[in-house]
Amino acid sequence: MELRIPVGPDEVWAEHVAGDGVPVVLLHPGVGDSRVWDPVMPALAGRRVVRYDVRGYGQSAAPTAEFSLLEDLVTVLDQLGLERALLVGCSMGGGTALSLALSDPGRVQGLVLLCPGVPGFPMPDEPELDAEYEALADKRDVEGLVRLGLRLWGAAGDDEAAVAQLQAAVPAWFDQGDYLKPDPPVYDRLQTVQASTVVMVGDKDRPILAAVAGATAARIPGAEFIWMPGVDHLPSLRNPALVSRTILRLADHVPTQPS
């Protein structure tokens, strides 16, 4: 079922699939929209699944007011009556999943983090890359930014699905700047994550992002780390079978109550 969920003065597009077992909530990356999960959806048939487009992405309109990724996630869960869920987050979505796991542990039954963004990680300065991005953004050069995105995050190939993801994401980059407020840093608090966690990253992702994933797995107690050969920053497109198996494995084996 497709629906529109109010988030402040705006709305986000969501898909809510009825089913059994722990609810699975899919959180897309900043380099795509919720269609990035299309290849894994068939494997989740029969389960309760939710995915939605962040404000400005995909089928969600551009934001008109200040918002937080974490606050919008909580609103979506509340509107759908999901008290507890398995969160599957890629990149930006991984950061949102971690934010909820730390701010309200009781709502998170488990975490599958694909090349996660981690607020507070000490990222190195990249002035040349920043300048290249800003020059393209100033001109609102969508195609130039798509090419840049594929170079950075699509090393496994510029196939139709990967191109479509970047094309869907770039307009949101323009629209979010004035409205998106950062969620609190989480990197220095990862040792307190209580949820069963799997961290996955590909060997074709950017080295710094692979380092973020490795450091995240090392800090979260009991986290499992999965290295994905031939995979870039779009794991659900590149190896949906492995992503799906990991989601199902965690959904079927995490505790039903927090420890």
C-alpha atoms as a PDB file:
ATOM      1  CA  MET A   1       0.000   0.000   0.000  1.00  0.00           C
ATOM      2  CA  GLU A   2       1.311   3.424  -0.978  1.00  0.00           C
ATOM      3  CA  LEU A   3       0.527   6.384   1.250  1.00  0.00           C
ATOM      4  CA  ARG A   4       1.523   9.916   2.149  1.00  0.00           C
ATOM      5  CA  ILE A   5       2.643  10.475   5.717  1.00  0.00           C
ATOM      6  CA  PRO A   6       2.524  13.996   7.213  1.00  0.00           C
ATOM      7  CA  VAL A   7       5.880  15.189   8.583  1.00  0.00           C
ATOM      8  CA  GLY A   8       5.441  18.686   9.913  1.00  0.00           C
ATOM      9  CA  PRO A   9       4.048  20.868   7.120  1.00  0.00           C
ATOM     10  CA  ASP A  10       5.317  18.419   4.491  1.00  0.00           C
ATOM     11  CA  GLU A  11       4.588  14.827   3.476  1.00  0.00           C
ATOM     12  CA  VAL A  12       6.732  11.833   2.609  1.00  0.00           C
ATOM     13  CA  TRP A  13       5.790   9.077   0.213  1.00  0.00           C
ATOM     14  CA  ALA A  14       5.847   5.637   1.798  1.00  0.00           C
ATOM     15  CA  GLU A  15       5.118   2.038   0.921  1.00  0.00           C
ATOM     16  CA  HIS A  16       3.753  -0.199   3.677  1.00  0.00           C
ATOM     17  CA  VAL A  17       3.554  -3.919   2.862  1.00  0.00           C
ATOM     18  CA  ALA A  18       1.526  -6.058   5.267  1.00  0.00           C
ATOM     19  CA  GLY A  19       3.067  -9.289   6.486  1.00  0.00           C
ATOM     20  CA  ASP A  20       4.365 -11.347   9.365  1.00  0.00           C
ATOM     21  CA  GLY A  21       7.390 -11.196  11.627  1.00  0.00           C
ATOM     22  CA  VAL A  22       9.408  -8.257  12.836  1.00  0.00           C
ATOM     23  CA  PRO A  23       8.694  -5.145  10.733  1.00  0.00           C
ATOM     24  CA  VAL A  24      11.555  -4.296   8.371  1.00  0.00           C
ATOM     25  CA  VAL A  25      12.123  -0.605   7.675  1.00  0.00           C
ATOM     26  CA  LEU A  26      14.313   0.233   4.657  1.00  0.00           C
ATOM     27  CA  LEU A  27      16.149   3.584   4.724  1.00  0.00           C
ATOM     28  CA  HIS A  28      17.659   4.726   1.438  1.00  0.00           C
ATOM     29  CA  PRO A  29      21.035   6.421   0.813  1.00  0.00           C
ATOM     30  CA  GLY A  30      21.625  10.049  -0.045  1.00  0.00           C
ATOM     31  CA  VAL A  31      22.721   8.933  -3.523  1.00  0.00           C
ATOM     32  CA  GLY A  32      19.342   7.417  -4.371  1.00  0.00           C
ATOM     33  CA  ASP A  33      15.749   6.996  -3.288  1.00  0.00           C
ATOM     34  CA  SER A  34      13.604   4.141  -1.997  1.00  0.00           C
ATOM     35  CA  ARG A  35      13.680   2.389  -5.376  1.00  0.00           C
ATOM     36  CA  VAL A  36      17.199   1.313  -4.436  1.00  0.00           C
ATOM     37  CA  TRP A  37      15.438  -1.436  -2.464  1.00  0.00           C
ATOM     38  CA  ASP A  38      13.492  -2.783  -5.455  1.00  0.00           C
ATOM     39  CA  PRO A  39      15.907  -5.736  -5.965  1.00  0.00           C
ATOM     40  CA  VAL A  40      15.518  -6.927  -2.351  1.00  0.00           C
ATOM     41  CA  MET A  41      11.743  -6.544  -2.061  1.00  0.00           C
ATOM     42  CA  PRO A  42      10.865  -9.928  -3.649  1.00  0.00           C
ATOM     43  CA  ALA A  43      12.920 -11.770  -1.021  1.00  0.00           C
ATOM     44  CA  LEU A  44      10.965  -9.983   1.723  1.00  0.00           C
ATOM     45  CA  ALA A  45       7.590 -11.147   0.405  1.00  0.00           C
ATOM     46  CA  GLY A  46       5.272 -12.191   3.222  1.00  0.00           C
ATOM     47  CA  ARG A  47       6.919  -9.873   5.747  1.00  0.00           C
ATOM     48  CA  ARG A  48       5.861  -6.490   7.014  1.00  0.00           C
ATOM     49  CA  VAL A  49       8.048  -3.985   5.177  1.00  0.00           C
ATOM     50  CA  VAL A  50       8.145  -0.191   5.131  1.00  0.00           C
ATOM     51  CA  ARG A  51      10.175   2.082   2.903  1.00  0.00           C
ATOM     52  CA  TYR A  52       9.833   5.793   2.298  1.00  0.00           C
ATOM     53  CA  ASP A  53      11.455   8.649   0.410  1.00  0.00           C
ATOM     54  CA  VAL A  54      13.170  11.310   2.503  1.00  0.00           C
ATOM     55  CA  ARG A  55      11.849  14.827   1.880  1.00  0.00           C
ATOM     56  CA  GLY A  56      13.010  15.979  -1.556  1.00  0.00           C
ATOM     57  CA  TYR A  57      13.858  12.480  -2.802  1.00  0.00           C
ATOM     58  CA  GLY A  58      11.894  10.254  -5.143  1.00  0.00           C
ATOM     59  CA  GLN A  59       8.157  10.738  -4.719  1.00  0.00           C
ATOM     60  CA  SER A  60       8.453  13.016  -1.669  1.00  0.00           C
ATOM     61  CA  ALA A  61       8.175  16.733  -2.382  1.00  0.00           C
ATOM     62  CA  ALA A  62      10.966  19.126  -1.523  1.00  0.00           C
ATOM     63  CA  PRO A  63      10.984  20.305   2.096  1.00  0.00           C
ATOM     64  CA  THR A  64       9.386  23.608   3.020  1.00  0.00           C
ATOM     65  CA  ALA A  65      10.503  23.692   6.671  1.00  0.00           C
ATOM     66  CA  GLU A  66      13.445  22.662   8.792  1.00  0.00           C
ATOM     67  CA  PHE A  67      13.530  18.923   9.460  1.00  0.00           C
ATOM     68  CA  SER A  68      15.641  16.116  10.867  1.00  0.00           C
ATOM     69  CA  LEU A  69      16.112  12.672   9.336  1.00  0.00           C
ATOM     70  CA  LEU A  70      15.741  11.083  12.767  1.00  0.00           C
ATOM     71  CA  GLU A  71      12.587  13.008  13.625  1.00  0.00           C
ATOM     72  CA  ASP A  72      10.996  12.062  10.308  1.00  0.00           C
ATOM     73  CA  LEU A  73      11.824   8.383  10.877  1.00  0.00           C
ATOM     74  CA  VAL A  74      10.176   8.517  14.294  1.00  0.00           C
ATOM     75  CA  THR A  75       7.120  10.198  12.770  1.00  0.00           C
ATOM     76  CA  VAL A  76       6.826   7.499  10.097  1.00  0.00           C
ATOM     77  CA  LEU A  77       7.105   4.716  12.702  1.00  0.00           C
ATOM     78  CA  ASP A  78       4.528   6.406  14.915  1.00  0.00           C
ATOM     79  CA  GLN A  79       2.070   6.990  12.068  1.00  0.00           C
ATOM     80  CA  LEU A  80       2.281   3.308  11.077  1.00  0.00           C
ATOM     81  CA  GLY A  81       2.063   2.046  14.639  1.00  0.00           C
ATOM     82  CA  LEU A  82       5.499   0.417  14.583  1.00  0.00           C
ATOM     83  CA  GLU A  83       6.738   0.251  18.148  1.00  0.00           C
ATOM     84  CA  ARG A  84       9.806  -1.834  17.265  1.00  0.00           C
ATOM     85  CA  ALA A  85      11.480  -2.650  13.956  1.00  0.00           C
ATOM     86  CA  LEU A  86      14.530  -4.022  12.209  1.00  0.00           C
ATOM     87  CA  LEU A  87      16.184  -1.033  10.538  1.00  0.00           C
ATOM     88  CA  VAL A  88      18.059  -1.535   7.270  1.00  0.00           C
ATOM     89  CA  GLY A  89      19.928   1.631   6.356  1.00  0.00           C
ATOM     90  CA  CYS A  90      22.248   2.404   3.464  1.00  0.00           C
ATOM     91  CA  SER A  91      24.692   5.332   3.712  1.00  0.00           C
ATOM     92  CA  MET A  92      22.538   8.285   4.849  1.00  0.00           C
ATOM     93  CA  GLY A  93      19.888   5.810   5.954  1.00  0.00           C
ATOM     94  CA  GLY A  94      22.452   3.951   8.023  1.00  0.00           C
ATOM     95  CA  GLY A  95      23.207   7.106   9.956  1.00  0.00           C
ATOM     96  CA  THR A  96      19.502   7.618  10.617  1.00  0.00           C
ATOM     97  CA  ALA A  97      19.166   4.034  11.826  1.00  0.00           C
ATOM     98  CA  LEU A  98      22.080   4.492  14.238  1.00  0.00           C
ATOM     99  CA  SER A  99      20.592   7.739  15.496  1.00  0.00           C
ATOM    100  CA  LEU A 100      17.377   5.972  16.490  1.00  0.00           C
ATOM    101  CA  ALA A 101      19.241   2.995  17.961  1.00  0.00           C
ATOM    102  CA  LEU A 102      21.023   5.393  20.314  1.00  0.00           C
ATOM    103  CA  SER A 103      18.208   7.820  21.065  1.00  0.00           C
ATOM    104  CA  ASP A 104      15.510   5.183  21.649  1.00  0.00           C
ATOM    105  CA  PRO A 105      17.020   1.668  21.858  1.00  0.00           C
ATOM    106  CA  GLY A 106      13.712   0.028  22.662  1.00  0.00           C
ATOM    107  CA  ARG A 107      12.386   0.761  19.175  1.00  0.00           C
ATOM    108  CA  VAL A 108      15.226  -0.971  17.329  1.00  0.00           C
ATOM    109  CA  GLN A 109      15.216  -4.755  17.191  1.00  0.00           C
ATOM    110  CA  GLY A 110      18.260  -4.946  14.952  1.00  0.00           C
ATOM    111  CA  LEU A 111      20.421  -3.045  12.488  1.00  0.00           C
ATOM    112  CA  VAL A 112      21.644  -3.912   9.002  1.00  0.00           C
ATOM    113  CA  LEU A 113      23.978  -1.084   8.017  1.00  0.00           C
ATOM    114  CA  LEU A 114      25.138  -0.897   4.391  1.00  0.00           C
ATOM    115  CA  CYS A 115      28.178   1.374   3.931  1.00  0.00           C
ATOM    116  CA  PRO A 116      26.689   3.536   6.673  1.00  0.00           C
ATOM    117  CA  GLY A 117      27.083   7.233   7.084  1.00  0.00           C
ATOM    118  CA  VAL A 118      28.030   7.840  10.710  1.00  0.00           C
ATOM    119  CA  PRO A 119      27.403  11.336  12.109  1.00  0.00           C
ATOM    120  CA  GLY A 120      30.443  12.488  14.021  1.00  0.00           C
ATOM    121  CA  PHE A 121      32.996  10.319  12.231  1.00  0.00           C
ATOM    122  CA  PRO A 122      36.163  12.428  11.718  1.00  0.00           C
ATOM    123  CA  MET A 123      36.082  12.620   7.932  1.00  0.00           C
ATOM    124  CA  PRO A 124      39.228  14.022   6.288  1.00  0.00           C
ATOM    125  CA  ASP A 125      39.058  17.297   4.423  1.00  0.00           C
ATOM    126  CA  GLU A 126      38.803  16.957   0.631  1.00  0.00           C
ATOM    127  CA  PRO A 127      39.044  20.541  -0.637  1.00  0.00           C
ATOM    128  CA  GLU A 128      39.428  19.651  -4.318  1.00  0.00           C
ATOM    129  CA  LEU A 129      36.369  17.422  -4.253  1.00  0.00           C
ATOM    130  CA  ASP A 130      34.398  20.025  -2.309  1.00  0.00           C
ATOM    131  CA  ALA A 131      35.318  22.675  -4.866  1.00  0.00           C
ATOM    132  CA  GLU A 132      34.303  20.435  -7.770  1.00  0.00           C
ATOM    133  CA  TYR A 133      30.946  19.708  -6.147  1.00  0.00           C
ATOM    134  CA  GLU A 134      30.277  23.347  -5.288  1.00  0.00           C
ATOM    135  CA  ALA A 135      31.076  24.510  -8.818  1.00  0.00           C
ATOM    136  CA  LEU A 136      28.560  22.033 -10.252  1.00  0.00           C
ATOM    137  CA  ALA A 137      25.961  22.767  -7.591  1.00  0.00           C
ATOM    138  CA  ASP A 138      26.240  26.521  -8.126  1.00  0.00           C
ATOM    139  CA  LYS A 139      25.294  25.950 -11.763  1.00  0.00           C
ATOM    140  CA  ARG A 140      22.637  23.392 -10.786  1.00  0.00           C
ATOM    141  CA  ASP A 141      24.355  21.087 -13.239  1.00  0.00           C
ATOM    142  CA  VAL A 142      22.354  17.911 -12.662  1.00  0.00           C
ATOM    143  CA  GLU A 143      24.122  15.831 -15.298  1.00  0.00           C
ATOM    144  CA  GLY A 144      27.526  16.981 -14.096  1.00  0.00           C
ATOM    145  CA  LEU A 145      26.640  15.975 -10.545  1.00  0.00           C
ATOM    146  CA  VAL A 146      25.320  12.622 -11.756  1.00  0.00           C
ATOM    147  CA  ARG A 147      28.657  11.975 -13.459  1.00  0.00           C
ATOM    148  CA  LEU A 148      30.496  13.029 -10.303  1.00  0.00           C
ATOM    149  CA  GLY A 149      28.291  10.763  -8.212  1.00  0.00           C
ATOM    150  CA  LEU A 150      28.878   7.781 -10.458  1.00  0.00           C
ATOM    151  CA  ARG A 151      32.621   8.383 -10.301  1.00  0.00           C
ATOM    152  CA  LEU A 152      32.598   8.528  -6.522  1.00  0.00           C
ATOM    153  CA  TRP A 153      29.929   6.016  -5.566  1.00  0.00           C
ATOM    154  CA  GLY A 154      29.210   3.929  -8.663  1.00  0.00           C
ATOM    155  CA  ALA A 155      32.550   2.254  -9.318  1.00  0.00           C
ATOM    156  CA  ALA A 156      30.849  -1.074 -10.023  1.00  0.00           C
ATOM    157  CA  GLY A 157      29.319   0.335 -13.204  1.00  0.00           C
ATOM    158  CA  ASP A 158      27.156   3.110 -14.623  1.00  0.00           C
ATOM    159  CA  ASP A 159      24.284   0.807 -15.555  1.00  0.00           C
ATOM    160  CA  GLU A 160      20.741   2.085 -15.956  1.00  0.00           C
ATOM    161  CA  ALA A 161      19.725   1.406 -12.339  1.00  0.00           C
ATOM    162  CA  ALA A 162      22.735   3.221 -10.877  1.00  0.00           C
ATOM    163  CA  VAL A 163      22.265   6.214 -13.182  1.00  0.00           C
ATOM    164  CA  ALA A 164      18.574   6.393 -12.248  1.00  0.00           C
ATOM    165  CA  GLN A 165      19.470   6.491  -8.564  1.00  0.00           C
ATOM    166  CA  LEU A 166      21.855   9.426  -8.974  1.00  0.00           C
ATOM    167  CA  GLN A 167      19.400  11.256 -11.212  1.00  0.00           C
ATOM    168  CA  ALA A 168      16.750  10.904  -8.528  1.00  0.00           C
ATOM    169  CA  ALA A 169      19.071  12.068  -5.744  1.00  0.00           C
ATOM    170  CA  VAL A 170      20.746  15.144  -7.201  1.00  0.00           C
ATOM    171  CA  PRO A 171      17.682  17.452  -7.076  1.00  0.00           C
ATOM    172  CA  ALA A 172      17.333  16.680  -3.380  1.00  0.00           C
ATOM    173  CA  TRP A 173      20.884  17.873  -2.773  1.00  0.00           C
ATOM    174  CA  PHE A 174      19.844  21.317  -4.022  1.00  0.00           C
ATOM    175  CA  ASP A 175      16.678  21.443  -1.927  1.00  0.00           C
ATOM    176  CA  GLN A 176      17.888  20.122   1.408  1.00  0.00           C
ATOM    177  CA  GLY A 177      20.615  22.608   2.198  1.00  0.00           C
ATOM    178  CA  ASP A 178      18.381  25.270   3.701  1.00  0.00           C
ATOM    179  CA  TYR A 179      16.170  22.877   5.644  1.00  0.00           C
ATOM    180  CA  LEU A 180      18.022  19.741   6.780  1.00  0.00           C
ATOM    181  CA  LYS A 181      19.320  20.036  10.322  1.00  0.00           C
ATOM    182  CA  PRO A 182      21.987  17.540  11.397  1.00  0.00           C
ATOM    183  CA  ASP A 183      21.168  14.855  13.909  1.00  0.00           C
ATOM    184  CA  PRO A 184      23.465  14.539  16.949  1.00  0.00           C
ATOM    185  CA  PRO A 185      26.845  12.832  16.405  1.00  0.00           C
ATOM    186  CA  VAL A 186      26.838   9.100  17.073  1.00  0.00           C
ATOM    187  CA  TYR A 187      30.385   7.917  16.363  1.00  0.00           C
ATOM    188  CA  ASP A 188      31.641   8.462  19.916  1.00  0.00           C
ATOM    189  CA  ARG A 189      28.594   6.627  21.308  1.00  0.00           C
ATOM    190  CA  LEU A 190      28.659   3.490  19.170  1.00  0.00           C
ATOM    191  CA  GLN A 191      29.936   1.410  22.094  1.00  0.00           C
ATOM    192  CA  THR A 192      26.496   1.814  23.683  1.00  0.00           C
ATOM    193  CA  VAL A 193      24.473   0.415  20.758  1.00  0.00           C
ATOM    194  CA  GLN A 194      22.356  -2.424  22.144  1.00  0.00           C
ATOM    195  CA  ALA A 195      20.812  -3.790  18.942  1.00  0.00           C
ATOM    196  CA  SER A 196      22.128  -6.831  17.105  1.00  0.00           C
ATOM    197  CA  THR A 197      24.067  -5.323  14.213  1.00  0.00           C
ATOM    198  CA  VAL A 198      25.519  -6.320  10.854  1.00  0.00           C
ATOM    199  CA  VAL A 199      27.723  -3.841   8.961  1.00  0.00           C
ATOM    200  CA  MET A 200      28.299  -4.411   5.243  1.00  0.00           C
ATOM    201  CA  VAL A 201      30.566  -2.585   2.791  1.00  0.00           C
ATOM    202  CA  GLY A 202      31.934  -3.219  -0.696  1.00  0.00           C
ATOM    203  CA  ASP A 203      35.512  -3.299  -1.893  1.00  0.00           C
ATOM    204  CA  LYS A 204      34.635  -0.879  -4.717  1.00  0.00           C
ATOM    205  CA  ASP A 205      33.327   1.764  -2.334  1.00  0.00           C
ATOM    206  CA  ARG A 206      35.510   4.763  -1.557  1.00  0.00           C
ATOM    207  CA  PRO A 207      38.355   3.776   0.803  1.00  0.00           C
ATOM    208  CA  ILE A 208      37.321   6.343   3.393  1.00  0.00           C
ATOM    209  CA  LEU A 209      33.785   4.943   3.422  1.00  0.00           C
ATOM    210  CA  ALA A 210      35.087   1.411   3.820  1.00  0.00           C
ATOM    211  CA  ALA A 211      37.122   2.708   6.757  1.00  0.00           C
ATOM    212  CA  VAL A 212      33.987   4.257   8.283  1.00  0.00           C
ATOM    213  CA  ALA A 213      32.187   0.923   8.020  1.00  0.00           C
ATOM    214  CA  GLY A 214      35.066  -0.999   9.546  1.00  0.00           C
ATOM    215  CA  ALA A 215      35.431   1.432  12.426  1.00  0.00           C
ATOM    216  CA  THR A 216      31.697   1.325  13.040  1.00  0.00           C
ATOM    217  CA  ALA A 217      31.630  -2.459  13.229  1.00  0.00           C
ATOM    218  CA  ALA A 218      34.637  -2.438  15.550  1.00  0.00           C
ATOM    219  CA  ARG A 219      32.946  -0.060  17.987  1.00  0.00           C
ATOM    220  CA  ILE A 220      29.498  -1.673  18.172  1.00  0.00           C
ATOM    221  CA  PRO A 221      29.499  -4.548  20.680  1.00  0.00           C
ATOM    222  CA  GLY A 222      29.137  -7.903  18.940  1.00  0.00           C
ATOM    223  CA  ALA A 223      28.673  -6.408  15.479  1.00  0.00           C
ATOM    224  CA  GLU A 224      29.211  -8.653  12.472  1.00  0.00           C
ATOM    225  CA  PHE A 225      31.210  -7.245   9.547  1.00  0.00           C
ATOM    226  CA  ILE A 226      30.646  -8.405   5.962  1.00  0.00           C
ATOM    227  CA  TRP A 227      33.020  -7.480   3.136  1.00  0.00           C
ATOM    228  CA  MET A 228      31.268  -7.439  -0.250  1.00  0.00           C
ATOM    229  CA  PRO A 229      33.509  -8.101  -3.286  1.00  0.00           C
ATOM    230  CA  GLY A 230      32.661  -6.155  -6.429  1.00  0.00           C
ATOM    231  CA  VAL A 231      30.233  -3.843  -4.614  1.00  0.00           C
ATOM    232  CA  ASP A 232      30.274  -0.041  -4.497  1.00  0.00           C
ATOM    233  CA  HIS A 233      28.064   2.408  -2.570  1.00  0.00           C
ATOM    234  CA  LEU A 234      24.859   0.803  -3.889  1.00  0.00           C
ATOM    235  CA  PRO A 235      24.935  -2.680  -2.313  1.00  0.00           C
ATOM    236  CA  SER A 236      21.258  -3.457  -2.786  1.00  0.00           C
ATOM    237  CA  LEU A 237      21.672  -2.985  -6.536  1.00  0.00           C
ATOM    238  CA  ARG A 238      24.981  -4.795  -6.840  1.00  0.00           C
ATOM    239  CA  ASN A 239      24.388  -7.855  -4.638  1.00  0.00           C
ATOM    240  CA  PRO A 240      20.723  -7.959  -3.642  1.00  0.00           C
ATOM    241  CA  ALA A 241      20.884 -11.662  -2.823  1.00  0.00           C
ATOM    242  CA  LEU A 242      23.480 -11.176  -0.097  1.00  0.00           C
ATOM    243  CA  VAL A 243      21.710  -8.105   1.259  1.00  0.00           C
ATOM    244  CA  SER A 244      18.389  -9.964   1.322  1.00  0.00           C
ATOM    245  CA  ARG A 245      19.842 -13.031   3.042  1.00  0.00           C
ATOM    246  CA  THR A 246      21.432 -10.836   5.681  1.00  0.00           C
ATOM    247  CA  ILE A 247      18.178  -8.988   6.370  1.00  0.00           C
ATOM    248  CA  LEU A 248      16.230 -12.240   6.677  1.00  0.00           C
ATOM    249  CA  ARG A 249      18.863 -13.858   8.864  1.00  0.00           C
ATOM    250  CA  LEU A 250      18.839 -10.981  11.308  1.00  0.00           C
ATOM    251  CA  ALA A 251      15.044 -10.644  11.211  1.00  0.00           C
ATOM    252  CA  ASP A 252      14.644 -14.292  12.124  1.00  0.00           C
ATOM    253  CA  HIS A 253      17.254 -14.477  14.857  1.00  0.00           C
ATOM    254  CA  VAL A 254      17.419 -11.190  16.760  1.00  0.00           C
ATOM    255  CA  PRO A 255      15.789 -11.204  20.208  1.00  0.00           C
ATOM    256  CA  THR A 256      12.139 -10.174  20.345  1.00  0.00           C
ATOM    257  CA  GLN A 257      12.792  -8.022  23.422  1.00  0.00           C
ATOM    258  CA  PRO A 258      15.725  -5.758  24.261  1.00  0.00           C
ATOM    259  CA  SER A 259      18.356  -7.358  26.450  1.00  0.00           C
END
